[in-house]
PDB file of N, CA and C in Angstrom:
ATOM      1  N   MET A   1       0.959  -1.122   0.012  1.00  0.00           N
ATOM      2  CA  MET A   1      -0.126   0.052   0.051  1.00  0.00           C
ATOM      3  C   MET A   1       0.865   1.546  -0.232  1.00  0.00           C
ATOM      4  N   PRO A   2       0.697   2.024  -0.976  1.00  0.00           N
ATOM      5  CA  PRO A   2       1.490   3.143  -1.209  1.00  0.00           C
ATOM      6  C   PRO A   2       1.149   4.300  -0.210  1.00  0.00           C
ATOM      7  N   VAL A   3       2.378   4.876   0.304  1.00  0.00           N
ATOM      8  CA  VAL A   3       1.621   6.054   1.426  1.00  0.00           C
ATOM      9  C   VAL A   3       2.434   7.116   1.153  1.00  0.00           C
ATOM     10  N   GLY A   4       1.884   8.564   0.524  1.00  0.00           N
ATOM     11  CA  GLY A   4       2.952   9.699   0.299  1.00  0.00           C
ATOM     12  C   GLY A   4       3.907   9.147  -1.030  1.00  0.00           C
ATOM     13  N   GLY A   5       3.339   8.198  -2.110  1.00  0.00           N
ATOM     14  CA  GLY A   5       4.479   7.861  -2.947  1.00  0.00           C
ATOM     15  C   GLY A   5       5.475   6.768  -2.510  1.00  0.00           C
ATOM     16  N   ILE A   6       5.299   6.466  -1.426  1.00  0.00           N
ATOM     17  CA  ILE A   6       6.517   5.225  -0.686  1.00  0.00           C
ATOM     18  C   ILE A   6       5.596   3.673  -0.562  1.00  0.00           C
ATOM     19  N   PRO A   7       6.131   2.700  -1.094  1.00  0.00           N
ATOM     20  CA  PRO A   7       5.301   1.894  -0.752  1.00  0.00           C
ATOM     21  C   PRO A   7       5.559   1.351   0.710  1.00  0.00           C
ATOM     22  N   VAL A   8       4.781   0.464   1.368  1.00  0.00           N
ATOM     23  CA  VAL A   8       4.941   0.555   2.963  1.00  0.00           C
ATOM     24  C   VAL A   8       4.234  -1.042   3.218  1.00  0.00           C
ATOM     25  N   TRP A   9       4.784  -2.062   3.903  1.00  0.00           N
ATOM     26  CA  TRP A   9       4.405  -3.189   3.499  1.00  0.00           C
ATOM     27  C   TRP A   9       4.069  -3.421   5.474  1.00  0.00           C
ATOM     28  N   ILE A  10       2.858  -3.788   5.940  1.00  0.00           N
ATOM     29  CA  ILE A  10       2.458  -3.631   7.362  1.00  0.00           C
ATOM     30  C   ILE A  10       1.995  -5.412   7.754  1.00  0.00           C
ATOM     31  N   GLU A  11       2.688  -5.876   8.667  1.00  0.00           N
ATOM     32  CA  GLU A  11       2.165  -7.238   8.878  1.00  0.00           C
ATOM     33  C   GLU A  11       1.199  -7.414   9.692  1.00  0.00           C
ATOM     34  N   SER A  12       0.703  -6.488  10.651  1.00  0.00           N
ATOM     35  CA  SER A  12      -0.235  -6.384  11.519  1.00  0.00           C
ATOM     36  C   SER A  12      -0.236  -5.206  11.964  1.00  0.00           C
ATOM     37  N   GLY A  13      -1.218  -4.424  12.640  1.00  0.00           N
ATOM     38  CA  GLY A  13      -1.339  -3.205  13.273  1.00  0.00           C
ATOM     39  C   GLY A  13      -1.936  -2.295  12.652  1.00  0.00           C
ATOM     40  N   ALA A  14      -1.559  -1.071  12.469  1.00  0.00           N
ATOM     41  CA  ALA A  14      -2.244  -0.007  12.066  1.00  0.00           C
ATOM     42  C   ALA A  14      -1.243   0.870  12.075  1.00  0.00           C
ATOM     43  N   LEU A  15      -0.954   2.041  11.002  1.00  0.00           N
ATOM     44  CA  LEU A  15      -0.122   3.324  10.459  1.00  0.00           C
ATOM     45  C   LEU A  15      -0.759   4.308  11.003  1.00  0.00           C
ATOM     46  N   TYR A  16      -0.095   5.119  11.440  1.00  0.00           N
ATOM     47  CA  TYR A  16      -0.609   6.575  12.180  1.00  0.00           C
ATOM     48  C   TYR A  16       0.138   7.776  11.319  1.00  0.00           C
ATOM     49  N   VAL A  17      -0.327   8.543  10.694  1.00  0.00           N
ATOM     50  CA  VAL A  17       0.277   9.098   9.979  1.00  0.00           C
ATOM     51  C   VAL A  17       0.082  10.659  10.070  1.00  0.00           C
ATOM     52  N   GLY A  18       0.862  11.703  10.680  1.00  0.00           N
ATOM     53  CA  GLY A  18       0.367  12.892  11.157  1.00  0.00           C
ATOM     54  C   GLY A  18       1.354  13.855  11.782  1.00  0.00           C
ATOM     55  N   GLY A  19       1.149  15.131  11.967  1.00  0.00           N
ATOM     56  CA  GLY A  19       1.790  15.818  12.850  1.00  0.00           C
ATOM     57  C   GLY A  19       1.469  15.451  14.367  1.00  0.00           C
ATOM     58  N   VAL A  20       2.695  15.371  15.291  1.00  0.00           N
ATOM     59  CA  VAL A  20       3.202  15.227  16.722  1.00  0.00           C
ATOM     60  C   VAL A  20       1.530  15.338  17.580  1.00  0.00           C
ATOM     61  N   GLU A  21       1.241  16.589  17.530  1.00  0.00           N
ATOM     62  CA  GLU A  21      -0.350  16.860  18.253  1.00  0.00           C
ATOM     63  C   GLU A  21      -1.106  15.724  17.701  1.00  0.00           C
ATOM     64  N   THR A  22      -1.512  15.953  16.448  1.00  0.00           N
ATOM     65  CA  THR A  22      -2.431  15.232  15.274  1.00  0.00           C
ATOM     66  C   THR A  22      -2.714  13.849  16.142  1.00  0.00           C
ATOM     67  N   LEU A  23      -1.177  13.525  15.859  1.00  0.00           N
ATOM     68  CA  LEU A  23      -1.226  11.792  16.206  1.00  0.00           C
ATOM     69  C   LEU A  23      -1.407  11.683  17.951  1.00  0.00           C
ATOM     70  N   ALA A  24      -1.144  12.668  18.435  1.00  0.00           N
ATOM     71  CA  ALA A  24      -1.195  12.198  20.151  1.00  0.00           C
ATOM     72  C   ALA A  24      -2.568  12.264  20.232  1.00  0.00           C
ATOM     73  N   ARG A  25      -3.396  13.381  19.949  1.00  0.00           N
ATOM     74  CA  ARG A  25      -4.868  13.205  19.874  1.00  0.00           C
ATOM     75  C   ARG A  25      -5.551  12.192  19.397  1.00  0.00           C
ATOM     76  N   LYS A  26      -5.233  11.285  18.396  1.00  0.00           N
ATOM     77  CA  LYS A  26      -5.896  10.353  17.748  1.00  0.00           C
ATOM     78  C   LYS A  26      -5.517   9.095  18.579  1.00  0.00           C
ATOM     79  N   ILE A  27      -4.662   8.955  19.428  1.00  0.00           N
ATOM     80  CA  ILE A  27      -3.758   8.070  20.088  1.00  0.00           C
ATOM     81  C   ILE A  27      -4.784   8.357  21.159  1.00  0.00           C
ATOM     82  N   ALA A  28      -4.925   9.013  22.132  1.00  0.00           N
ATOM     83  CA  ALA A  28      -5.171   9.612  23.213  1.00  0.00           C
ATOM     84  C   ALA A  28      -6.904   9.239  22.677  1.00  0.00           C
ATOM     85  N   ARG A  29      -7.750   9.472  21.971  1.00  0.00           N
ATOM     86  CA  ARG A  29      -8.727   9.281  21.739  1.00  0.00           C
ATOM     87  C   ARG A  29      -9.168   7.541  21.385  1.00  0.00           C
ATOM     88  N   ILE A  30      -8.035   7.096  20.717  1.00  0.00           N
ATOM     89  CA  ILE A  30      -8.442   5.555  20.570  1.00  0.00           C
ATOM     90  C   ILE A  30      -8.040   4.667  22.033  1.00  0.00           C
ATOM     91  N   VAL A  31      -7.146   4.836  22.877  1.00  0.00           N
ATOM     92  CA  VAL A  31      -6.957   4.533  24.326  1.00  0.00           C
ATOM     93  C   VAL A  31      -8.411   4.387  25.003  1.00  0.00           C
ATOM     94  N   HIS A  32      -8.808   5.991  25.209  1.00  0.00           N
ATOM     95  CA  HIS A  32      -9.823   6.331  25.902  1.00  0.00           C
ATOM     96  C   HIS A  32     -11.238   5.608  25.548  1.00  0.00           C
ATOM     97  N   ALA A  33     -11.256   5.205  24.182  1.00  0.00           N
ATOM     98  CA  ALA A  33     -12.591   4.837  23.497  1.00  0.00           C
ATOM     99  C   ALA A  33     -12.269   2.973  23.521  1.00  0.00           C
ATOM    100  N   ASN A  34     -11.300   2.944  23.860  1.00  0.00           N
ATOM    101  CA  ASN A  34     -11.071   1.050  24.016  1.00  0.00           C
ATOM    102  C   ASN A  34     -10.843   0.606  25.117  1.00  0.00           C
ATOM    103  N   HIS A  35     -10.486   1.856  26.125  1.00  0.00           N
ATOM    104  CA  HIS A  35     -10.325   1.038  27.261  1.00  0.00           C
ATOM    105  C   HIS A  35      -9.062   0.557  27.339  1.00  0.00           C
ATOM    106  N   LEU A  36      -8.062   0.860  26.811  1.00  0.00           N
ATOM    107  CA  LEU A  36      -6.660   0.426  26.890  1.00  0.00           C
ATOM    108  C   LEU A  36      -5.930   0.737  27.873  1.00  0.00           C
ATOM    109  N   SER A  37      -4.959  -0.355  28.768  1.00  0.00           N
ATOM    110  CA  SER A  37      -4.196  -0.047  29.306  1.00  0.00           C
ATOM    111  C   SER A  37      -2.874   0.785  29.039  1.00  0.00           C
ATOM    112  N   ARG A  38      -2.460   0.185  27.727  1.00  0.00           N
ATOM    113  CA  ARG A  38      -1.187   0.314  26.871  1.00  0.00           C
ATOM    114  C   ARG A  38      -1.560   0.956  25.791  1.00  0.00           C
ATOM    115  N   PHE A  39      -0.476   1.695  25.232  1.00  0.00           N
ATOM    116  CA  PHE A  39      -0.318   1.657  23.444  1.00  0.00           C
ATOM    117  C   PHE A  39       1.067   1.714  22.862  1.00  0.00           C
ATOM    118  N   ASP A  40       1.430   0.502  22.409  1.00  0.00           N
ATOM    119  CA  ASP A  40       2.779  -0.057  22.157  1.00  0.00           C
ATOM    120  C   ASP A  40       3.047   1.233  20.434  1.00  0.00           C
ATOM    121  N   LEU A  41       4.329   1.683  20.609  1.00  0.00           N
ATOM    122  CA  LEU A  41       4.566   2.027  19.711  1.00  0.00           C
ATOM    123  C   LEU A  41       6.141   1.428  19.241  1.00  0.00           C
ATOM    124  N   LYS A  42       6.028   1.401  17.746  1.00  0.00           N
ATOM    125  CA  LYS A  42       7.391   0.700  17.187  1.00  0.00           C
ATOM    126  C   LYS A  42       7.777   1.449  16.266  1.00  0.00           C
TER     127      LYS A  42
END
């Protein structure tokens, strides 16, 4: 799946793209909505 013209291969998980503040808000929303106790970034 190309992202910004760059091919990207993802075996499992999700790809989050954006500015630091935007990503922080997205991750916080996902963690809260799904009642997660942790969120691993790699």
